[in-house]
């Protein structure tokens, strides 16, 4: 991307992702009036070459990462180089991400079937998608990827608990994290929407040139099918979620060659697809 322009000082300033609001805390029949940290959730309008594409509800932080990650995971650009410019415009109604993409990018070619018909809720990855083909996309197969010792997954999970400042303050956001083969967490992104957090992480990885074949992805949510689709589209070979996967997520992960782990907790995890990337390979093969 050739550069990022900001229309206002507010948009350019670092953003905590949460604000304080007064609250009465009741404990054992007694009330204490104090300030509480609450997560921000604002409409983000995504505009490509002057044409509106979607409005997503998201946390207004790491927006450059989100713009790139969303554009890649939704197939609106094929490479980061096709995102030529981003302007972050803070408006009364929310935030506009005005992007200019290359003429050969998919987003530059008008296609009414790809537009969103309604805003994306914070818990929804495909709200407003017009047809079934766009709603359920079978991602291309991922690469061979790396093999991981179970201890690496355990280390990553332990670190993740201390790498979520917005959730520590508010208790209301999801995180997506990238860990290397040793289990050391390299990047974390947070958002009120699990898929937004993942898009932000994908964008951050591409901005930093991180090889998706050389690490693992952790998410603090269920492994729904859009999480698998976005991960696979980014080339991620192992996705671990602290909650359960869905049946469709398992089928998409199997078809794309992604190792899908659910219920990843200290001391335990379930491997639903392609268990060969978890060492030692002494467990029963899954088909």
C-alpha atoms as a PDB file:
ATOM      1  CA  UNK A   1       0.000   0.000   0.000  1.00  0.00           C
ATOM      2  CA  UNK A   2       1.554   3.260  -1.061  1.00  0.00           C
ATOM      3  CA  UNK A   3       0.404   5.283   1.942  1.00  0.00           C
ATOM      4  CA  UNK A   4      -2.251   5.851   4.535  1.00  0.00           C
ATOM      5  CA  UNK A   5      -3.903   9.259   4.774  1.00  0.00           C
ATOM      6  CA  UNK A   6      -6.109  10.395   7.638  1.00  0.00           C
ATOM      7  CA  UNK A   7      -8.763  13.073   7.299  1.00  0.00           C
ATOM      8  CA  UNK A   8      -8.763  14.124  10.955  1.00  0.00           C
ATOM      9  CA  UNK A   9      -6.439  14.198  13.936  1.00  0.00           C
ATOM     10  CA  UNK A  10      -8.895  11.942  15.759  1.00  0.00           C
ATOM     11  CA  UNK A  11      -8.546   9.220  13.160  1.00  0.00           C
ATOM     12  CA  UNK A  12      -4.766   9.459  13.192  1.00  0.00           C
ATOM     13  CA  UNK A  13      -4.343   9.307  16.969  1.00  0.00           C
ATOM     14  CA  UNK A  14      -3.724   5.993  18.770  1.00  0.00           C
ATOM     15  CA  UNK A  15      -7.009   4.518  19.898  1.00  0.00           C
ATOM     16  CA  UNK A  16      -7.490   2.440  23.026  1.00  0.00           C
ATOM     17  CA  UNK A  17     -10.588   0.700  21.693  1.00  0.00           C
ATOM     18  CA  UNK A  18     -12.559   1.382  24.854  1.00  0.00           C
ATOM     19  CA  UNK A  19     -14.011   4.320  26.769  1.00  0.00           C
ATOM     20  CA  UNK A  20     -15.198   4.931  30.324  1.00  0.00           C
ATOM     21  CA  UNK A  21     -18.817   5.224  31.366  1.00  0.00           C
ATOM     22  CA  UNK A  22     -20.384   5.690  34.831  1.00  0.00           C
ATOM     23  CA  UNK A  23     -21.773   2.603  36.480  1.00  0.00           C
ATOM     24  CA  UNK A  24     -23.341   1.631  39.806  1.00  0.00           C
ATOM     25  CA  UNK A  25     -21.653  -1.571  40.969  1.00  0.00           C
ATOM     26  CA  UNK A  26     -23.826  -3.593  43.317  1.00  0.00           C
ATOM     27  CA  UNK A  27     -22.054  -6.080  45.572  1.00  0.00           C
ATOM     28  CA  UNK A  28     -23.743  -7.785  48.517  1.00  0.00           C
ATOM     29  CA  UNK A  29     -26.517  -5.213  48.606  1.00  0.00           C
ATOM     30  CA  UNK A  30     -24.202  -2.205  48.483  1.00  0.00           C
ATOM     31  CA  UNK A  31     -23.762   0.136  45.488  1.00  0.00           C
ATOM     32  CA  UNK A  32     -20.576   1.952  44.497  1.00  0.00           C
ATOM     33  CA  UNK A  33     -20.708   4.641  41.804  1.00  0.00           C
ATOM     34  CA  UNK A  34     -17.586   4.669  39.658  1.00  0.00           C
ATOM     35  CA  UNK A  35     -16.321   4.632  36.084  1.00  0.00           C
ATOM     36  CA  UNK A  36     -16.260   1.430  34.031  1.00  0.00           C
ATOM     37  CA  UNK A  37     -14.245   0.597  30.919  1.00  0.00           C
ATOM     38  CA  UNK A  38     -16.495  -0.477  28.053  1.00  0.00           C
ATOM     39  CA  UNK A  39     -15.561  -1.612  24.545  1.00  0.00           C
ATOM     40  CA  UNK A  40     -16.240   0.707  21.638  1.00  0.00           C
ATOM     41  CA  UNK A  41     -18.408  -0.515  18.790  1.00  0.00           C
ATOM     42  CA  UNK A  42     -18.900   1.813  15.825  1.00  0.00           C
ATOM     43  CA  UNK A  43     -20.063   1.495  12.215  1.00  0.00           C
ATOM     44  CA  UNK A  44     -17.154   1.139   9.793  1.00  0.00           C
ATOM     45  CA  UNK A  45     -18.063   1.907   6.191  1.00  0.00           C
ATOM     46  CA  UNK A  46     -15.816   0.189   3.648  1.00  0.00           C
ATOM     47  CA  UNK A  47     -15.645   2.091   0.369  1.00  0.00           C
ATOM     48  CA  UNK A  48     -13.681   0.914  -2.681  1.00  0.00           C
ATOM     49  CA  UNK A  49     -12.859   3.398  -5.435  1.00  0.00           C
ATOM     50  CA  UNK A  50     -15.767   5.566  -4.335  1.00  0.00           C
ATOM     51  CA  UNK A  51     -18.319   2.723  -4.228  1.00  0.00           C
ATOM     52  CA  UNK A  52     -19.765   1.583  -0.898  1.00  0.00           C
ATOM     53  CA  UNK A  53     -19.324  -2.127  -0.215  1.00  0.00           C
ATOM     54  CA  UNK A  54     -20.325  -2.818   3.391  1.00  0.00           C
ATOM     55  CA  UNK A  55     -20.834  -1.354   6.840  1.00  0.00           C
ATOM     56  CA  UNK A  56     -19.358  -3.464   9.626  1.00  0.00           C
ATOM     57  CA  UNK A  57     -19.732  -2.985  13.369  1.00  0.00           C
ATOM     58  CA  UNK A  58     -16.241  -3.038  14.821  1.00  0.00           C
ATOM     59  CA  UNK A  59     -13.828  -1.605  17.359  1.00  0.00           C
ATOM     60  CA  UNK A  60     -12.147   1.523  15.913  1.00  0.00           C
ATOM     61  CA  UNK A  61      -8.575   0.365  16.446  1.00  0.00           C
ATOM     62  CA  UNK A  62      -5.935  -1.087  14.074  1.00  0.00           C
ATOM     63  CA  UNK A  63      -8.032   0.084  11.145  1.00  0.00           C
ATOM     64  CA  UNK A  64      -5.219  -0.097   8.596  1.00  0.00           C
ATOM     65  CA  UNK A  65      -4.755  -3.770   9.472  1.00  0.00           C
ATOM     66  CA  UNK A  66      -8.511  -4.302   9.278  1.00  0.00           C
ATOM     67  CA  UNK A  67      -8.819  -2.670   5.855  1.00  0.00           C
ATOM     68  CA  UNK A  68      -6.085  -4.855   4.392  1.00  0.00           C
ATOM     69  CA  UNK A  69      -7.166  -8.059   6.132  1.00  0.00           C
ATOM     70  CA  UNK A  70     -10.838  -7.655   5.261  1.00  0.00           C
ATOM     71  CA  UNK A  71     -10.006  -6.850   1.631  1.00  0.00           C
ATOM     72  CA  UNK A  72      -7.842  -9.963   1.338  1.00  0.00           C
ATOM     73  CA  UNK A  73     -10.084 -12.398   3.232  1.00  0.00           C
ATOM     74  CA  UNK A  74     -13.183 -11.283   1.306  1.00  0.00           C
ATOM     75  CA  UNK A  75     -11.419 -11.641  -2.041  1.00  0.00           C
ATOM     76  CA  UNK A  76     -11.702  -7.931  -2.848  1.00  0.00           C
ATOM     77  CA  UNK A  77      -7.991  -7.745  -3.597  1.00  0.00           C
ATOM     78  CA  UNK A  78      -5.637 -10.557  -4.540  1.00  0.00           C
ATOM     79  CA  UNK A  79      -2.433  -9.094  -3.104  1.00  0.00           C
ATOM     80  CA  UNK A  80      -1.604  -6.304  -0.642  1.00  0.00           C
ATOM     81  CA  UNK A  81      -0.029  -4.343  -3.482  1.00  0.00           C
ATOM     82  CA  UNK A  82      -3.494  -3.873  -5.025  1.00  0.00           C
ATOM     83  CA  UNK A  83      -4.549  -1.726  -2.052  1.00  0.00           C
ATOM     84  CA  UNK A  84      -3.050   1.559  -3.209  1.00  0.00           C
ATOM     85  CA  UNK A  85      -4.391   4.005  -0.648  1.00  0.00           C
ATOM     86  CA  UNK A  86      -6.459   4.147   2.520  1.00  0.00           C
ATOM     87  CA  UNK A  87      -8.080   7.207   4.045  1.00  0.00           C
ATOM     88  CA  UNK A  88      -9.569   6.897   7.530  1.00  0.00           C
ATOM     89  CA  UNK A  89     -12.353   9.441   7.841  1.00  0.00           C
ATOM     90  CA  UNK A  90     -13.976  10.012  11.220  1.00  0.00           C
ATOM     91  CA  UNK A  91     -17.572  11.120  10.739  1.00  0.00           C
ATOM     92  CA  UNK A  92     -20.443  11.868  13.096  1.00  0.00           C
ATOM     93  CA  UNK A  93     -22.096   8.560  12.183  1.00  0.00           C
ATOM     94  CA  UNK A  94     -18.963   6.424  12.442  1.00  0.00           C
ATOM     95  CA  UNK A  95     -15.748   5.831  10.517  1.00  0.00           C
ATOM     96  CA  UNK A  96     -15.283   5.532   6.768  1.00  0.00           C
ATOM     97  CA  UNK A  97     -12.426   3.484   5.336  1.00  0.00           C
ATOM     98  CA  UNK A  98     -12.052   4.958   1.857  1.00  0.00           C
ATOM     99  CA  UNK A  99      -9.786   2.704  -0.211  1.00  0.00           C
ATOM    100  CA  UNK A 100      -8.343   3.058  -3.652  1.00  0.00           C
ATOM    101  CA  UNK A 101      -7.508  -0.250  -5.287  1.00  0.00           C
ATOM    102  CA  UNK A 102      -5.719  -1.144  -8.505  1.00  0.00           C
ATOM    103  CA  UNK A 103      -7.740  -1.489 -11.686  1.00  0.00           C
ATOM    104  CA  UNK A 104      -7.034  -5.237 -11.818  1.00  0.00           C
ATOM    105  CA  UNK A 105      -8.325  -5.839  -8.262  1.00  0.00           C
ATOM    106  CA  UNK A 106     -11.683  -7.642  -7.944  1.00  0.00           C
ATOM    107  CA  UNK A 107     -13.078  -4.705  -5.934  1.00  0.00           C
ATOM    108  CA  UNK A 108     -12.465  -2.391  -8.893  1.00  0.00           C
ATOM    109  CA  UNK A 109     -14.804  -4.390 -11.095  1.00  0.00           C
ATOM    110  CA  UNK A 110     -18.461  -3.538 -10.423  1.00  0.00           C
ATOM    111  CA  UNK A 111     -20.402  -6.583  -9.284  1.00  0.00           C
ATOM    112  CA  UNK A 112     -23.776  -5.958  -7.665  1.00  0.00           C
ATOM    113  CA  UNK A 113     -23.924  -9.542  -6.399  1.00  0.00           C
ATOM    114  CA  UNK A 114     -20.990  -8.872  -4.043  1.00  0.00           C
ATOM    115  CA  UNK A 115     -22.428  -5.844  -2.292  1.00  0.00           C
ATOM    116  CA  UNK A 116     -23.781  -6.206   1.233  1.00  0.00           C
ATOM    117  CA  UNK A 117     -27.491  -5.516   1.566  1.00  0.00           C
ATOM    118  CA  UNK A 118     -27.390  -4.719   5.264  1.00  0.00           C
ATOM    119  CA  UNK A 119     -24.816  -3.775   7.894  1.00  0.00           C
ATOM    120  CA  UNK A 120     -22.648  -6.536   9.321  1.00  0.00           C
ATOM    121  CA  UNK A 121     -23.358  -7.090  13.004  1.00  0.00           C
ATOM    122  CA  UNK A 122     -20.414  -7.423  15.364  1.00  0.00           C
ATOM    123  CA  UNK A 123     -21.096 -11.158  15.693  1.00  0.00           C
ATOM    124  CA  UNK A 124     -21.777 -11.809  12.018  1.00  0.00           C
ATOM    125  CA  UNK A 125     -19.236 -12.454   9.300  1.00  0.00           C
ATOM    126  CA  UNK A 126     -21.483 -12.434   6.225  1.00  0.00           C
ATOM    127  CA  UNK A 127     -24.476 -10.269   7.116  1.00  0.00           C
ATOM    128  CA  UNK A 128     -26.029  -8.931   3.941  1.00  0.00           C
ATOM    129  CA  UNK A 129     -24.343 -11.286   1.486  1.00  0.00           C
ATOM    130  CA  UNK A 130     -26.623 -11.608  -1.533  1.00  0.00           C
ATOM    131  CA  UNK A 131     -26.284 -15.262  -2.530  1.00  0.00           C
ATOM    132  CA  UNK A 132     -25.263 -18.671  -1.237  1.00  0.00           C
ATOM    133  CA  UNK A 133     -22.152 -18.884  -3.394  1.00  0.00           C
ATOM    134  CA  UNK A 134     -20.738 -15.783  -1.730  1.00  0.00           C
ATOM    135  CA  UNK A 135     -21.923 -16.868   1.715  1.00  0.00           C
ATOM    136  CA  UNK A 136     -20.113 -20.220   1.719  1.00  0.00           C
ATOM    137  CA  UNK A 137     -16.851 -20.047  -0.188  1.00  0.00           C
ATOM    138  CA  UNK A 138     -14.642 -23.132  -0.314  1.00  0.00           C
ATOM    139  CA  UNK A 139     -11.133 -21.775   0.206  1.00  0.00           C
ATOM    140  CA  UNK A 140      -8.206 -23.052  -1.842  1.00  0.00           C
ATOM    141  CA  UNK A 141      -5.977 -25.708  -0.224  1.00  0.00           C
ATOM    142  CA  UNK A 142      -3.291 -24.368   2.092  1.00  0.00           C
ATOM    143  CA  UNK A 143       0.375 -25.319   2.027  1.00  0.00           C
ATOM    144  CA  UNK A 144       2.168 -28.044   3.941  1.00  0.00           C
ATOM    145  CA  UNK A 145       2.712 -25.853   6.980  1.00  0.00           C
ATOM    146  CA  UNK A 146       4.722 -26.707  10.072  1.00  0.00           C
ATOM    147  CA  UNK A 147       4.456 -29.406  12.698  1.00  0.00           C
ATOM    148  CA  UNK A 148       3.985 -28.372  16.321  1.00  0.00           C
ATOM    149  CA  UNK A 149       4.680 -30.011  19.635  1.00  0.00           C
ATOM    150  CA  UNK A 150       1.690 -29.936  21.993  1.00  0.00           C
ATOM    151  CA  UNK A 151       3.866 -27.890  24.347  1.00  0.00           C
ATOM    152  CA  UNK A 152       3.991 -25.082  21.765  1.00  0.00           C
ATOM    153  CA  UNK A 153       0.202 -24.858  21.752  1.00  0.00           C
ATOM    154  CA  UNK A 154       0.151 -24.879  25.549  1.00  0.00           C
ATOM    155  CA  UNK A 155       2.700 -22.054  25.674  1.00  0.00           C
ATOM    156  CA  UNK A 156       0.745 -19.961  23.187  1.00  0.00           C
ATOM    157  CA  UNK A 157      -2.495 -20.427  25.130  1.00  0.00           C
ATOM    158  CA  UNK A 158      -0.798 -19.422  28.377  1.00  0.00           C
ATOM    159  CA  UNK A 159       0.627 -16.261  26.816  1.00  0.00           C
ATOM    160  CA  UNK A 160      -2.654 -15.300  25.187  1.00  0.00           C
ATOM    161  CA  UNK A 161      -4.312 -14.793  28.558  1.00  0.00           C
ATOM    162  CA  UNK A 162      -1.946 -11.887  29.256  1.00  0.00           C
ATOM    163  CA  UNK A 163      -1.917 -10.364  25.753  1.00  0.00           C
ATOM    164  CA  UNK A 164      -5.475  -8.989  25.590  1.00  0.00           C
ATOM    165  CA  UNK A 165      -5.426  -5.468  27.078  1.00  0.00           C
ATOM    166  CA  UNK A 166      -8.834  -4.446  25.713  1.00  0.00           C
ATOM    167  CA  UNK A 167     -10.499  -7.583  27.028  1.00  0.00           C
ATOM    168  CA  UNK A 168      -8.736  -7.196  30.364  1.00  0.00           C
ATOM    169  CA  UNK A 169     -10.227  -3.711  30.633  1.00  0.00           C
ATOM    170  CA  UNK A 170     -13.712  -4.475  29.330  1.00  0.00           C
ATOM    171  CA  UNK A 171     -14.355  -8.243  29.259  1.00  0.00           C
ATOM    172  CA  UNK A 172     -16.199  -7.725  25.977  1.00  0.00           C
ATOM    173  CA  UNK A 173     -13.861  -8.382  23.039  1.00  0.00           C
ATOM    174  CA  UNK A 174     -12.370 -11.288  21.120  1.00  0.00           C
ATOM    175  CA  UNK A 175      -8.746 -11.779  20.182  1.00  0.00           C
ATOM    176  CA  UNK A 176      -6.912 -13.413  17.296  1.00  0.00           C
ATOM    177  CA  UNK A 177      -3.242 -14.214  17.838  1.00  0.00           C
ATOM    178  CA  UNK A 178      -0.335 -15.487  15.765  1.00  0.00           C
ATOM    179  CA  UNK A 179       2.313 -17.693  17.379  1.00  0.00           C
ATOM    180  CA  UNK A 180       5.521 -19.052  15.889  1.00  0.00           C
ATOM    181  CA  UNK A 181       6.518 -22.705  15.865  1.00  0.00           C
ATOM    182  CA  UNK A 182       7.851 -22.518  19.415  1.00  0.00           C
ATOM    183  CA  UNK A 183       4.519 -21.170  20.682  1.00  0.00           C
ATOM    184  CA  UNK A 184       5.756 -17.612  21.187  1.00  0.00           C
ATOM    185  CA  UNK A 185       2.977 -15.139  20.412  1.00  0.00           C
ATOM    186  CA  UNK A 186       4.118 -12.602  17.824  1.00  0.00           C
ATOM    187  CA  UNK A 187       0.944 -10.614  17.115  1.00  0.00           C
ATOM    188  CA  UNK A 188      -2.456 -10.094  18.738  1.00  0.00           C
ATOM    189  CA  UNK A 189      -5.432  -8.123  17.494  1.00  0.00           C
ATOM    190  CA  UNK A 190      -8.710  -7.530  19.393  1.00  0.00           C
ATOM    191  CA  UNK A 191     -12.215  -6.505  18.371  1.00  0.00           C
ATOM    192  CA  UNK A 192     -15.823  -6.830  19.489  1.00  0.00           C
ATOM    193  CA  UNK A 193     -16.343  -9.124  16.489  1.00  0.00           C
ATOM    194  CA  UNK A 194     -14.381 -12.349  16.291  1.00  0.00           C
ATOM    195  CA  UNK A 195     -14.108 -12.150  12.500  1.00  0.00           C
ATOM    196  CA  UNK A 196     -12.998  -8.510  12.707  1.00  0.00           C
ATOM    197  CA  UNK A 197     -10.210  -9.482  15.109  1.00  0.00           C
ATOM    198  CA  UNK A 198      -9.111 -12.138  12.621  1.00  0.00           C
ATOM    199  CA  UNK A 199      -9.192  -9.718   9.696  1.00  0.00           C
ATOM    200  CA  UNK A 200      -7.076  -7.283  11.707  1.00  0.00           C
ATOM    201  CA  UNK A 201      -4.581 -10.032  12.471  1.00  0.00           C
ATOM    202  CA  UNK A 202      -4.417 -11.120   8.814  1.00  0.00           C
ATOM    203  CA  UNK A 203      -3.760  -7.529   7.806  1.00  0.00           C
ATOM    204  CA  UNK A 204      -1.074  -7.125  10.459  1.00  0.00           C
ATOM    205  CA  UNK A 205       0.622 -10.335   9.324  1.00  0.00           C
ATOM    206  CA  UNK A 206       0.696  -9.187   5.710  1.00  0.00           C
ATOM    207  CA  UNK A 207       1.972  -5.739   6.689  1.00  0.00           C
ATOM    208  CA  UNK A 208       4.866  -7.443   8.488  1.00  0.00           C
ATOM    209  CA  UNK A 209       5.551 -10.111   5.880  1.00  0.00           C
ATOM    210  CA  UNK A 210       4.837 -13.041   8.224  1.00  0.00           C
ATOM    211  CA  UNK A 211       4.771 -16.457   6.528  1.00  0.00           C
ATOM    212  CA  UNK A 212       1.410 -18.146   7.332  1.00  0.00           C
ATOM    213  CA  UNK A 213       3.056 -21.556   6.858  1.00  0.00           C
ATOM    214  CA  UNK A 214       5.402 -20.960   9.766  1.00  0.00           C
ATOM    215  CA  UNK A 215       3.140 -20.660  12.785  1.00  0.00           C
ATOM    216  CA  UNK A 216      -0.313 -21.152  14.278  1.00  0.00           C
ATOM    217  CA  UNK A 217      -3.444 -19.056  14.694  1.00  0.00           C
ATOM    218  CA  UNK A 218      -5.371 -18.858  17.971  1.00  0.00           C
ATOM    219  CA  UNK A 219      -8.823 -17.317  18.420  1.00  0.00           C
ATOM    220  CA  UNK A 220     -10.764 -16.667  21.627  1.00  0.00           C
ATOM    221  CA  UNK A 221     -14.078 -17.716  20.128  1.00  0.00           C
ATOM    222  CA  UNK A 222     -15.815 -20.624  18.511  1.00  0.00           C
ATOM    223  CA  UNK A 223     -14.415 -21.853  15.202  1.00  0.00           C
ATOM    224  CA  UNK A 224     -17.284 -20.934  12.915  1.00  0.00           C
ATOM    225  CA  UNK A 225     -17.063 -21.554   9.197  1.00  0.00           C
ATOM    226  CA  UNK A 226     -16.177 -17.948   8.313  1.00  0.00           C
ATOM    227  CA  UNK A 227     -13.208 -18.114  10.695  1.00  0.00           C
ATOM    228  CA  UNK A 228     -11.922 -21.182   8.861  1.00  0.00           C
ATOM    229  CA  UNK A 229     -12.577 -19.558   5.488  1.00  0.00           C
ATOM    230  CA  UNK A 230     -10.691 -16.389   6.416  1.00  0.00           C
ATOM    231  CA  UNK A 231      -7.810 -18.340   7.964  1.00  0.00           C
ATOM    232  CA  UNK A 232      -7.473 -20.630   4.951  1.00  0.00           C
ATOM    233  CA  UNK A 233      -7.699 -17.723   2.513  1.00  0.00           C
ATOM    234  CA  UNK A 234      -4.704 -16.219   4.329  1.00  0.00           C
ATOM    235  CA  UNK A 235      -2.764 -19.483   3.989  1.00  0.00           C
ATOM    236  CA  UNK A 236      -2.951 -20.416   7.680  1.00  0.00           C
ATOM    237  CA  UNK A 237      -2.435 -24.152   8.189  1.00  0.00           C
ATOM    238  CA  UNK A 238      -3.383 -24.532  11.885  1.00  0.00           C
ATOM    239  CA  UNK A 239      -6.311 -22.822  13.606  1.00  0.00           C
ATOM    240  CA  UNK A 240      -6.929 -23.338  17.313  1.00  0.00           C
ATOM    241  CA  UNK A 241     -10.083 -22.021  18.975  1.00  0.00           C
ATOM    242  CA  UNK A 242     -10.807 -21.977  22.687  1.00  0.00           C
ATOM    243  CA  UNK A 243     -14.425 -22.918  21.999  1.00  0.00           C
ATOM    244  CA  UNK A 244     -16.157 -25.413  19.718  1.00  0.00           C
ATOM    245  CA  UNK A 245     -16.096 -25.681  15.932  1.00  0.00           C
ATOM    246  CA  UNK A 246     -19.224 -25.974  13.825  1.00  0.00           C
ATOM    247  CA  UNK A 247     -19.901 -28.874  11.474  1.00  0.00           C
ATOM    248  CA  UNK A 248     -19.462 -26.663   8.410  1.00  0.00           C
ATOM    249  CA  UNK A 249     -16.181 -25.317   9.781  1.00  0.00           C
ATOM    250  CA  UNK A 250     -14.899 -28.883  10.109  1.00  0.00           C
ATOM    251  CA  UNK A 251     -15.875 -29.726   6.535  1.00  0.00           C
ATOM    252  CA  UNK A 252     -14.259 -26.566   5.143  1.00  0.00           C
ATOM    253  CA  UNK A 253     -11.092 -27.159   7.174  1.00  0.00           C
ATOM    254  CA  UNK A 254     -10.899 -30.742   5.942  1.00  0.00           C
ATOM    255  CA  UNK A 255     -11.291 -29.668   2.328  1.00  0.00           C
ATOM    256  CA  UNK A 256      -8.745 -26.849   2.609  1.00  0.00           C
ATOM    257  CA  UNK A 257      -6.144 -28.921   4.444  1.00  0.00           C
ATOM    258  CA  UNK A 258      -6.337 -26.851   7.648  1.00  0.00           C
ATOM    259  CA  UNK A 259      -5.627 -28.443  10.998  1.00  0.00           C
ATOM    260  CA  UNK A 260      -8.614 -27.406  13.115  1.00  0.00           C
ATOM    261  CA  UNK A 261      -8.410 -27.539  16.902  1.00  0.00           C
ATOM    262  CA  UNK A 262     -11.301 -26.815  19.218  1.00  0.00           C
ATOM    263  CA  UNK A 263     -11.721 -26.523  22.988  1.00  0.00           C
ATOM    264  CA  UNK A 264      -8.075 -25.489  23.271  1.00  0.00           C
ATOM    265  CA  UNK A 265      -7.572 -25.175  27.008  1.00  0.00           C
ATOM    266  CA  UNK A 266      -4.632 -25.646  29.347  1.00  0.00           C
ATOM    267  CA  UNK A 267      -3.931 -29.372  29.364  1.00  0.00           C
ATOM    268  CA  UNK A 268      -6.481 -30.373  26.721  1.00  0.00           C
ATOM    269  CA  UNK A 269      -7.610 -29.821  23.137  1.00  0.00           C
ATOM    270  CA  UNK A 270      -9.566 -31.605  20.409  1.00  0.00           C
ATOM    271  CA  UNK A 271      -8.113 -32.051  16.924  1.00  0.00           C
ATOM    272  CA  UNK A 272     -10.903 -32.296  14.346  1.00  0.00           C
ATOM    273  CA  UNK A 273      -9.011 -32.328  11.036  1.00  0.00           C
ATOM    274  CA  UNK A 274      -5.513 -33.057   9.720  1.00  0.00           C
ATOM    275  CA  UNK A 275      -3.911 -34.082  13.047  1.00  0.00           C
ATOM    276  CA  UNK A 276      -0.514 -34.739  11.412  1.00  0.00           C
ATOM    277  CA  UNK A 277       0.617 -31.194  12.274  1.00  0.00           C
ATOM    278  CA  UNK A 278       0.428 -31.962  16.006  1.00  0.00           C
ATOM    279  CA  UNK A 279       3.414 -33.920  17.363  1.00  0.00           C
ATOM    280  CA  UNK A 280       3.980 -36.547  18.491  1.00  0.00           C
ATOM    281  CA  UNK A 281       1.843 -38.240  15.807  1.00  0.00           C
ATOM    282  CA  UNK A 282       0.706 -41.118  18.038  1.00  0.00           C
ATOM    283  CA  UNK A 283      -2.960 -40.298  18.161  1.00  0.00           C
ATOM    284  CA  UNK A 284      -5.703 -41.985  16.185  1.00  0.00           C
ATOM    285  CA  UNK A 285      -5.957 -40.694  12.613  1.00  0.00           C
ATOM    286  CA  UNK A 286      -9.029 -38.662  11.711  1.00  0.00           C
ATOM    287  CA  UNK A 287     -10.540 -38.954   8.258  1.00  0.00           C
END
